[in-house]
């Protein structure tokens, strides 16, 4: 084919294409390459490829160099290049070697596709699933988001209930940010992390001489939150004595610092949080009933991560981007085995634990994809029980993907009493898709399951 014809063909395609010789100097540069990089063909020809692209892989992990040295092609590797205006552009690259008529390598060719639009769409989609740094597409969480916006406009006390790691502090920050007090301070106090001897002084402040070591006056967290919001985390750990003092703040909006007889008015809004059942503590007598009703004006119960598994892939992506940025790595995602392992896990530590898992995996991962061996030991697959009664971790290469997927689907189906519609909803897929997966994985329905229920008029519904 004539050289002019080749240039015409290359200039007609949407992907950027360039070639280099064995000295890494650019020998051709098509029209799409000019448009994506903002560099003209005349400027690019004859220059070293790293001078033109300034990619994040140019120095140590050049894909084209690997291909020329090994002869192995690279297909659709995601990287960033720097355009002429200094902006980072996400691209997908593929490489191959160039040979002459004698089958001798004379250089290499690289194609690159602009992923900017894909990245923008991803950001837009992520934005729909993000609310004041709370990442979720769960219907229950989105219902709470709507309520939260309404609650934030009032000045009522809010009680956030949920297991550790479910995001109660993020909800408190969102309430403050959406409220009329957003320009005031948000003061956070973790009552479970402070001994009783310090909590009173921390909350109410003290006058000099109020106790041994109190040499100067000190304002408390209530005074520090003046005009804003006071977030009291782990309020279920508050001692009976301090419950009485806090009750007065809620009832009368007044308090006295330790060692003072001067009453101070508190212009604050209180948001409380707990991972305990306060109603049970009231019945037990360890939490004051009158205080419970004072803080339980508006209660939001945050679901644990195991009840919103559809959020796990979103959280994985969210934390991967966070730790990529912190570590300077370019990890593109997780393997299917990893995703199945995470989706099957119950996350007793909830969102906080999921963040720790991804941070752990990011530290160990040296490639572009997090594999099963990068996860903490307790998430590693295990061999069947040996004679010793112990389980032995195995690598993902020895674990069949179908086995992992089948085990995970069985667990979700059992958790939903074999109700396919409920299981599909939890998985975030259609019921027919779930049914096809069950057939492919040879998952048999039990004779009695949760698909069929009788209504009041004895009609059967599925």
Protein backbone atom coordinates (compact mmCIF):
# COMPACT_ATOMS: atom_id res chain seq x y z
CA UNK A 1 0.00 0.00 0.00
CA UNK A 2 1.32 3.45 -0.92
CA UNK A 3 2.52 5.68 1.91
CA UNK A 4 -0.02 8.39 0.99
CA UNK A 5 -2.85 5.87 1.18
CA UNK A 6 -1.68 4.71 4.61
CA UNK A 7 -1.66 8.30 5.88
CA UNK A 8 -5.18 8.90 4.53
CA UNK A 9 -6.46 5.76 6.29
CA UNK A 10 -4.76 6.64 9.60
CA UNK A 11 -6.09 10.20 9.47
CA UNK A 12 -9.64 8.91 8.96
CA UNK A 13 -9.89 6.96 12.23
CA UNK A 14 -10.94 8.37 15.60
CA UNK A 15 -8.13 6.80 17.65
CA UNK A 16 -4.76 8.47 17.94
CA UNK A 17 -1.96 6.53 16.23
CA UNK A 18 1.79 7.11 16.25
CA UNK A 19 4.86 5.07 15.40
CA UNK A 20 8.44 5.19 16.67
CA UNK A 21 11.76 3.88 15.44
CA UNK A 22 14.24 1.99 17.62
CA UNK A 23 15.63 5.30 18.92
CA UNK A 24 12.11 6.12 20.27
CA UNK A 25 11.67 9.00 17.86
CA UNK A 26 8.19 9.54 16.43
CA UNK A 27 7.99 8.64 12.73
CA UNK A 28 4.23 9.13 12.15
CA UNK A 29 1.46 10.97 13.95
CA UNK A 30 -2.14 10.87 12.71
CA UNK A 31 -4.83 13.55 12.78
CA UNK A 32 -6.63 12.12 15.87
CA UNK A 33 -3.32 12.16 17.77
CA UNK A 34 -3.04 15.88 17.01
CA UNK A 35 -6.58 16.56 18.25
CA UNK A 36 -6.22 14.54 21.48
CA UNK A 37 -2.79 15.88 22.49
CA UNK A 38 -3.09 19.41 21.08
CA UNK A 39 0.31 18.89 19.41
CA UNK A 40 0.68 19.22 15.65
CA UNK A 41 2.20 16.53 13.46
CA UNK A 42 5.09 18.85 12.56
CA UNK A 43 5.92 19.39 16.24
CA UNK A 44 5.73 15.67 17.07
CA UNK A 45 7.74 14.13 14.21
CA UNK A 46 11.36 13.42 15.11
CA UNK A 47 10.88 14.00 18.84
CA UNK A 48 11.18 11.31 21.51
CA UNK A 49 7.73 9.93 22.36
CA UNK A 50 8.10 10.76 26.08
CA UNK A 51 8.67 14.42 25.21
CA UNK A 52 5.31 14.53 23.43
CA UNK A 53 3.10 12.44 25.72
CA UNK A 54 4.57 12.94 29.21
CA UNK A 55 2.59 9.96 30.42
CA UNK A 56 2.54 8.55 33.96
CA UNK A 57 4.18 5.35 32.60
CA UNK A 58 6.89 6.91 30.39
CA UNK A 59 9.77 6.70 32.86
CA UNK A 60 9.54 3.19 34.31
CA UNK A 61 6.70 1.23 32.73
CA UNK A 62 6.58 2.28 29.09
CA UNK A 63 4.09 -0.05 27.38
CA UNK A 64 5.64 0.40 23.93
CA UNK A 65 9.12 -0.42 25.27
CA UNK A 66 7.75 -3.62 26.88
CA UNK A 67 6.15 -4.63 23.58
CA UNK A 68 9.30 -4.01 21.51
CA UNK A 69 11.49 -5.85 24.04
CA UNK A 70 9.18 -8.85 24.55
CA UNK A 71 7.19 -8.94 21.30
CA UNK A 72 3.96 -9.14 23.34
CA UNK A 73 1.14 -6.78 22.46
CA UNK A 74 -0.64 -4.70 25.09
CA UNK A 75 -4.36 -4.10 24.63
CA UNK A 76 -6.53 -1.42 26.26
CA UNK A 77 -4.26 -0.34 29.10
CA UNK A 78 -5.64 2.72 30.92
CA UNK A 79 -3.15 5.53 31.52
CA UNK A 80 -2.94 9.32 31.59
CA UNK A 81 -1.10 11.58 29.15
CA UNK A 82 -0.43 15.30 29.52
CA UNK A 83 -1.78 17.46 26.68
CA UNK A 84 -0.11 20.62 25.37
CA UNK A 85 -2.23 22.77 27.72
CA UNK A 86 -1.01 20.80 30.76
CA UNK A 87 -4.28 18.93 31.37
CA UNK A 88 -4.17 15.21 32.21
CA UNK A 89 -6.16 13.17 29.70
CA UNK A 90 -7.31 9.60 30.46
CA UNK A 91 -6.60 7.32 27.50
CA UNK A 92 -6.69 3.62 26.68
CA UNK A 93 -3.60 2.43 24.80
CA UNK A 94 -2.72 -0.63 22.68
CA UNK A 95 0.74 -1.46 21.33
CA UNK A 96 2.36 -3.65 18.66
CA UNK A 97 5.77 -4.05 17.02
CA UNK A 98 6.62 -2.85 13.50
CA UNK A 99 8.64 -5.20 11.26
CA UNK A 100 10.23 -4.86 7.84
CA UNK A 101 9.92 -7.27 4.90
CA UNK A 102 12.63 -9.44 6.48
CA UNK A 103 10.62 -9.79 9.69
CA UNK A 104 13.07 -7.61 11.60
CA UNK A 105 11.75 -5.25 14.26
CA UNK A 106 12.18 -1.65 13.15
CA UNK A 107 10.02 0.11 15.74
CA UNK A 108 6.63 0.11 17.36
CA UNK A 109 3.09 1.44 16.92
CA UNK A 110 0.75 2.67 19.62
CA UNK A 111 -2.92 3.57 19.38
CA UNK A 112 -4.67 5.58 22.07
CA UNK A 113 -8.34 6.32 22.66
CA UNK A 114 -9.52 9.44 24.49
CA UNK A 115 -11.52 8.38 27.57
CA UNK A 116 -12.38 11.90 28.72
CA UNK A 117 -16.07 11.47 27.90
CA UNK A 118 -16.17 8.11 29.68
CA UNK A 119 -14.50 9.73 32.70
CA UNK A 120 -17.02 12.57 32.70
CA UNK A 121 -19.92 10.10 32.52
CA UNK A 122 -18.39 8.13 35.40
CA UNK A 123 -18.10 11.29 37.47
CA UNK A 124 -21.70 12.20 36.66
CA UNK A 125 -22.89 8.73 37.67
CA UNK A 126 -20.82 8.87 40.84
CA UNK A 127 -22.32 12.27 41.61
CA UNK A 128 -25.80 10.76 41.50
CA UNK A 129 -24.72 8.23 44.10
CA UNK A 130 -22.89 10.67 46.37
CA UNK A 131 -24.46 12.87 49.02
CA UNK A 132 -22.07 15.02 51.08
CA UNK A 133 -19.31 12.36 50.78
CA UNK A 134 -21.79 9.55 51.59
CA UNK A 135 -21.55 7.02 48.74
CA UNK A 136 -24.66 4.93 48.15
CA UNK A 137 -27.24 3.85 45.59
CA UNK A 138 -29.30 1.96 48.17
CA UNK A 139 -33.00 2.90 48.17
CA UNK A 140 -33.03 3.04 51.96
CA UNK A 141 -30.03 5.35 52.07
CA UNK A 142 -31.57 7.63 49.44
CA UNK A 143 -34.76 7.73 51.51
CA UNK A 144 -32.63 8.84 54.46
CA UNK A 145 -30.97 11.51 52.29
CA UNK A 146 -34.38 13.04 51.56
CA UNK A 147 -35.36 12.98 55.24
CA UNK A 148 -31.97 14.38 56.21
CA UNK A 149 -32.43 17.42 53.96
CA UNK A 150 -35.79 18.13 55.61
CA UNK A 151 -34.46 17.55 59.14
CA UNK A 152 -31.44 19.79 58.56
CA UNK A 153 -33.68 22.82 57.98
CA UNK A 154 -35.08 22.60 61.52
CA UNK A 155 -33.18 23.08 64.76
CA UNK A 156 -34.43 19.84 66.32
CA UNK A 157 -32.14 17.41 68.09
CA UNK A 158 -31.28 14.39 65.91
CA UNK A 159 -30.35 10.89 67.03
CA UNK A 160 -28.32 8.79 64.59
CA UNK A 161 -28.43 5.06 65.30
CA UNK A 162 -26.34 2.45 63.55
CA UNK A 163 -23.51 -0.01 63.92
CA UNK A 164 -19.92 1.22 64.13
CA UNK A 165 -18.61 2.30 60.76
CA UNK A 166 -21.97 2.99 59.09
CA UNK A 167 -21.20 6.68 58.54
CA UNK A 168 -22.92 8.43 61.46
CA UNK A 169 -20.29 11.19 61.55
CA UNK A 170 -20.75 11.84 57.81
CA UNK A 171 -24.49 12.18 58.38
CA UNK A 172 -23.85 14.63 61.22
CA UNK A 173 -21.61 16.70 58.94
CA UNK A 174 -24.27 16.66 56.23
CA UNK A 175 -26.95 17.84 58.70
CA UNK A 176 -24.69 20.70 59.78
CA UNK A 177 -23.77 21.67 56.20
CA UNK A 178 -27.42 21.77 55.10
CA UNK A 179 -28.63 23.71 58.14
CA UNK A 180 -28.93 27.43 58.81
CA UNK A 181 -26.00 26.93 61.20
CA UNK A 182 -23.61 25.87 58.42
CA UNK A 183 -21.51 29.03 58.80
CA UNK A 184 -21.04 28.26 62.49
CA UNK A 185 -18.67 25.61 63.91
CA UNK A 186 -19.24 21.86 63.92
CA UNK A 187 -17.69 20.45 67.10
CA UNK A 188 -17.28 16.67 67.36
CA UNK A 189 -16.96 14.89 70.71
CA UNK A 190 -16.46 11.12 70.93
CA UNK A 191 -17.82 10.38 74.39
CA UNK A 192 -16.71 6.76 74.22
CA UNK A 193 -13.07 7.79 73.82
CA UNK A 194 -12.94 10.02 76.92
CA UNK A 195 -12.84 8.95 80.60
CA UNK A 196 -15.67 10.26 82.80
CA UNK A 197 -13.20 12.42 84.74
CA UNK A 198 -12.46 14.42 81.57
CA UNK A 199 -15.82 14.47 79.80
CA UNK A 200 -17.40 17.00 82.18
CA UNK A 201 -14.55 19.46 81.76
CA UNK A 202 -14.39 18.82 78.00
CA UNK A 203 -18.09 19.48 77.52
CA UNK A 204 -18.78 22.31 79.98
CA UNK A 205 -15.35 23.88 80.44
CA UNK A 206 -13.90 24.92 83.82
CA UNK A 207 -12.71 27.88 85.84
CA UNK A 208 -9.19 28.16 87.21
CA UNK A 209 -8.95 26.23 90.50
CA UNK A 210 -12.03 24.12 89.83
CA UNK A 211 -9.90 21.00 90.38
CA UNK A 212 -6.25 20.02 90.79
CA UNK A 213 -4.35 21.05 87.69
CA UNK A 214 -6.95 23.59 86.50
CA UNK A 215 -4.63 26.60 86.45
CA UNK A 216 -6.47 28.70 83.89
CA UNK A 217 -10.01 29.11 82.64
CA UNK A 218 -10.93 26.85 79.75
CA UNK A 219 -14.02 26.89 77.56
CA UNK A 220 -15.72 23.56 76.86
CA UNK A 221 -16.95 21.99 73.64
CA UNK A 222 -20.45 23.41 74.18
CA UNK A 223 -19.05 26.96 74.19
CA UNK A 224 -16.84 26.11 71.19
CA UNK A 225 -19.96 25.04 69.25
CA UNK A 226 -21.77 28.34 69.95
CA UNK A 227 -23.88 29.28 66.93
CA UNK A 228 -23.21 25.91 65.33
CA UNK A 229 -23.66 22.18 65.90
CA UNK A 230 -22.39 19.89 68.67
CA UNK A 231 -22.05 16.25 67.57
CA UNK A 232 -22.00 13.85 70.52
CA UNK A 233 -20.83 10.46 69.27
CA UNK A 234 -21.36 7.29 71.36
CA UNK A 235 -23.86 9.03 73.66
CA UNK A 236 -24.88 5.63 75.04
CA UNK A 237 -21.58 5.57 76.96
CA UNK A 238 -22.41 8.71 78.97
CA UNK A 239 -22.45 8.21 82.76
CA UNK A 240 -25.68 8.85 84.75
CA UNK A 241 -24.17 11.98 86.37
CA UNK A 242 -23.33 13.54 83.01
CA UNK A 243 -26.70 12.50 81.58
CA UNK A 244 -28.33 14.81 84.16
CA UNK A 245 -26.11 17.73 83.16
CA UNK A 246 -26.69 17.17 79.45
CA UNK A 247 -30.46 16.95 80.02
CA UNK A 248 -30.42 20.51 81.38
CA UNK A 249 -28.62 21.74 78.26
CA UNK A 250 -31.31 20.17 76.09
CA UNK A 251 -34.24 21.32 78.23
CA UNK A 252 -33.17 24.83 79.19
CA UNK A 253 -30.30 25.55 76.78
CA UNK A 254 -28.16 26.57 79.80
CA UNK A 255 -25.15 25.19 81.70
CA UNK A 256 -22.41 26.17 84.17
CA UNK A 257 -18.70 25.49 83.68
CA UNK A 258 -17.00 23.51 86.46
CA UNK A 259 -16.11 25.77 89.39
CA UNK A 260 -18.49 28.53 88.26
CA UNK A 261 -21.91 29.63 89.51
CA UNK A 262 -22.58 31.69 86.42
CA UNK A 263 -25.26 30.29 84.12
CA UNK A 264 -24.40 30.45 80.41
CA UNK A 265 -26.93 30.26 77.59
CA UNK A 266 -26.06 27.69 74.89
CA UNK A 267 -27.02 28.58 71.32
CA UNK A 268 -26.29 25.19 69.79
CA UNK A 269 -27.94 22.34 67.96
CA UNK A 270 -27.17 18.83 69.21
CA UNK A 271 -26.80 15.79 66.99
CA UNK A 272 -26.22 12.57 68.95
CA UNK A 273 -25.12 9.15 67.71
CA UNK A 274 -24.90 5.66 69.17
CA UNK A 275 -24.30 2.08 68.13
CA UNK A 276 -26.32 0.85 71.12
CA UNK A 277 -30.02 0.24 71.59
CA UNK A 278 -30.88 3.20 73.84
CA UNK A 279 -34.42 1.95 74.37
CA UNK A 280 -33.01 -1.27 75.84
CA UNK A 281 -30.63 0.76 78.03
CA UNK A 282 -33.60 2.78 79.30
CA UNK A 283 -35.45 -0.40 80.28
CA UNK A 284 -32.29 -1.66 81.92
CA UNK A 285 -32.01 1.57 83.93
CA UNK A 286 -28.59 2.64 82.63
CA UNK A 287 -29.86 5.47 80.45
CA UNK A 288 -32.29 8.17 81.61
CA UNK A 289 -35.71 7.95 80.02
CA UNK A 290 -36.19 11.74 80.02
CA UNK A 291 -32.85 12.26 78.26
CA UNK A 292 -33.71 9.54 75.75
CA UNK A 293 -36.91 11.33 74.77
CA UNK A 294 -35.07 14.65 74.55
CA UNK A 295 -32.49 13.35 72.06
CA UNK A 296 -34.93 11.08 70.25
CA UNK A 297 -36.88 13.92 68.62
CA UNK A 298 -35.81 12.84 65.12
CA UNK A 299 -34.17 9.43 64.79
CA UNK A 300 -32.39 8.17 61.69
CA UNK A 301 -31.33 4.52 61.65
CA UNK A 302 -28.40 3.85 59.30
CA UNK A 303 -28.47 0.37 57.70
CA UNK A 304 -25.34 -1.79 57.95
CA UNK A 305 -23.37 -2.49 54.78
CA UNK A 306 -24.53 -6.13 54.67
CA UNK A 307 -28.08 -4.82 54.11
CA UNK A 308 -27.02 -2.65 51.17
CA UNK A 309 -24.55 -4.86 49.32
CA UNK A 310 -25.25 -2.99 46.09
CA UNK A 311 -23.09 -0.21 47.54
CA UNK A 312 -19.98 -2.39 47.85
CA UNK A 313 -18.75 -1.94 44.21
CA UNK A 314 -19.37 1.83 44.53
CA UNK A 315 -17.37 2.00 47.76
CA UNK A 316 -14.55 -0.07 46.26
CA UNK A 317 -14.28 2.35 43.34
CA UNK A 318 -14.54 5.37 45.67
CA UNK A 319 -11.77 4.17 48.01
CA UNK A 320 -9.57 2.99 45.12
CA UNK A 321 -9.58 6.50 43.66
CA UNK A 322 -8.83 7.94 47.09
CA UNK A 323 -5.84 5.69 47.77
CA UNK A 324 -4.58 5.94 44.18
CA UNK A 325 -4.38 9.67 44.71
CA UNK A 326 -2.64 9.32 48.08
CA UNK A 327 -0.14 6.67 46.93
CA UNK A 328 0.46 7.87 43.36
CA UNK A 329 -0.58 4.47 41.99
CA UNK A 330 -2.82 3.80 38.97
CA UNK A 331 -4.79 0.74 40.10
CA UNK A 332 -7.74 0.42 37.73
CA UNK A 333 -9.99 -1.95 39.70
CA UNK A 334 -10.41 -5.33 41.37
CA UNK A 335 -10.61 -8.82 39.91
CA UNK A 336 -13.88 -10.75 39.72
CA UNK A 337 -12.70 -13.05 42.51
CA UNK A 338 -12.07 -10.06 44.76
CA UNK A 339 -15.48 -8.57 44.05
CA UNK A 340 -17.22 -11.87 44.79
CA UNK A 341 -15.27 -12.22 48.04
CA UNK A 342 -16.23 -8.70 49.12
CA UNK A 343 -19.87 -9.12 48.09
CA UNK A 344 -20.10 -12.34 50.13
CA UNK A 345 -18.53 -10.79 53.24
CA UNK A 346 -20.77 -9.43 56.03
CA UNK A 347 -18.57 -6.41 56.96
CA UNK A 348 -19.04 -6.25 60.76
CA UNK A 349 -17.01 -3.02 60.60
CA UNK A 350 -19.23 -1.69 57.78
CA UNK A 351 -17.99 1.16 55.54
CA UNK A 352 -14.99 1.89 57.76
CA UNK A 353 -13.85 -1.74 57.41
CA UNK A 354 -14.32 -1.66 53.64
CA UNK A 355 -12.06 1.40 53.49
CA UNK A 356 -9.40 -0.40 55.56
CA UNK A 357 -9.58 -3.46 53.28
CA UNK A 358 -9.04 -1.39 50.12
CA UNK A 359 -6.20 0.54 51.75
CA UNK A 360 -4.54 -2.77 52.72
CA UNK A 361 -4.97 -4.12 49.18
CA UNK A 362 -3.64 -0.90 47.61
CA UNK A 363 -0.47 -1.11 49.68
CA UNK A 364 0.21 -4.71 48.57
CA UNK A 365 -0.85 -4.35 44.93
CA UNK A 366 2.03 -3.74 42.50
CA UNK A 367 0.04 -4.04 39.29
CA UNK A 368 -3.09 -2.47 37.86
CA UNK A 369 -5.64 -4.89 39.32
CA UNK A 370 -6.22 -5.88 42.93
CA UNK A 371 -6.18 -9.68 43.14
CA UNK A 372 -7.44 -12.01 45.86
CA UNK A 373 -3.94 -12.36 47.37
CA UNK A 374 -3.86 -8.63 48.09
CA UNK A 375 -6.82 -8.84 50.48
CA UNK A 376 -6.37 -9.33 54.26
CA UNK A 377 -5.91 -12.96 55.34
CA UNK A 378 -9.44 -13.35 56.70
CA UNK A 379 -10.85 -12.67 53.21
CA UNK A 380 -8.64 -15.23 51.49
CA UNK A 381 -10.40 -18.31 50.04
CA UNK A 382 -9.71 -21.52 51.97
CA UNK A 383 -9.13 -25.15 51.04
CA UNK A 384 -11.49 -27.81 52.45
CA UNK A 385 -10.81 -28.88 56.04
CA UNK A 386 -7.69 -30.99 56.39
CA UNK A 387 -7.23 -33.84 58.88
CA UNK A 388 -6.00 -31.30 61.41
CA UNK A 389 -9.32 -29.48 61.16
CA UNK A 390 -7.67 -26.28 59.90
CA UNK A 391 -8.25 -24.40 56.67
CA UNK A 392 -5.45 -23.46 54.33
CA UNK A 393 -5.60 -20.21 52.29
CA UNK A 394 -5.14 -20.63 48.55
CA UNK A 395 -4.45 -18.22 45.74
CA UNK A 396 -7.08 -17.10 43.25
CA UNK A 397 -5.32 -19.05 40.49
CA UNK A 398 -6.33 -22.31 42.22
CA UNK A 399 -9.87 -21.16 42.94
CA UNK A 400 -12.39 -21.41 40.11
CA UNK A 401 -14.41 -18.29 39.45
CA UNK A 402 -17.60 -20.34 39.01
CA UNK A 403 -17.15 -21.87 42.48
CA UNK A 404 -16.81 -18.45 44.08
CA UNK A 405 -19.79 -17.08 42.18
CA UNK A 406 -21.94 -20.12 43.00
CA UNK A 407 -21.09 -19.93 46.70
CA UNK A 408 -21.91 -16.24 46.82
CA UNK A 409 -25.27 -16.62 45.02
CA UNK A 410 -26.24 -19.50 47.31
CA UNK A 411 -25.53 -17.35 50.35
CA UNK A 412 -27.63 -14.42 49.05
CA UNK A 413 -30.51 -16.75 48.11
CA UNK A 414 -30.48 -18.41 51.54
CA UNK A 415 -30.35 -15.00 53.26
CA UNK A 416 -33.51 -14.07 51.32
CA UNK A 417 -35.30 -17.36 52.04
CA UNK A 418 -34.83 -18.30 48.35
CA UNK A 419 -36.98 -15.38 47.22
CA UNK A 420 -35.46 -14.67 43.79
CA UNK A 421 -36.97 -11.20 43.51
CA UNK A 422 -35.56 -10.13 46.89
CA UNK A 423 -32.17 -11.72 46.11
CA UNK A 424 -31.99 -10.01 42.70
CA UNK A 425 -32.86 -6.68 44.34
CA UNK A 426 -30.04 -7.12 46.85
CA UNK A 427 -27.60 -8.01 44.06
CA UNK A 428 -28.71 -5.07 41.92
CA UNK A 429 -29.63 -7.28 38.92
CA UNK A 430 -32.84 -8.34 37.19
CA UNK A 431 -34.71 -11.48 38.28
CA UNK A 432 -34.24 -13.10 34.85
CA UNK A 433 -30.50 -12.41 35.02
CA UNK A 434 -30.39 -14.13 38.40
CA UNK A 435 -32.37 -17.07 37.03
CA UNK A 436 -29.91 -17.48 34.12
CA UNK A 437 -26.98 -17.43 36.53
CA UNK A 438 -28.68 -20.09 38.69
CA UNK A 439 -29.20 -22.34 35.65
CA UNK A 440 -25.60 -21.86 34.49
CA UNK A 441 -24.24 -22.63 37.97
CA UNK A 442 -26.65 -25.54 38.51
CA UNK A 443 -28.31 -24.00 41.57
CA UNK A 444 -31.50 -25.93 42.30
CA UNK A 445 -34.44 -24.35 44.11
CA UNK A 446 -35.65 -26.18 47.25
CA UNK A 447 -39.16 -27.62 47.31
CA UNK A 448 -40.25 -24.98 49.82
CA UNK A 449 -38.89 -21.48 49.44
CA UNK A 450 -39.79 -17.82 49.91
CA UNK A 451 -41.01 -17.16 46.38
CA UNK A 452 -44.67 -17.93 47.14
CA UNK A 453 -46.79 -16.15 49.71
CA UNK A 454 -50.53 -16.06 50.35
CA UNK A 455 -52.43 -12.83 50.62
CA UNK A 456 -55.40 -12.20 52.91
CA UNK A 457 -57.89 -13.26 50.26
CA UNK A 458 -55.98 -16.55 49.78
CA UNK A 459 -54.76 -15.61 46.31
CA UNK A 460 -51.29 -16.82 45.55
CA UNK A 461 -48.70 -14.25 44.44
CA UNK A 462 -45.14 -14.84 43.20
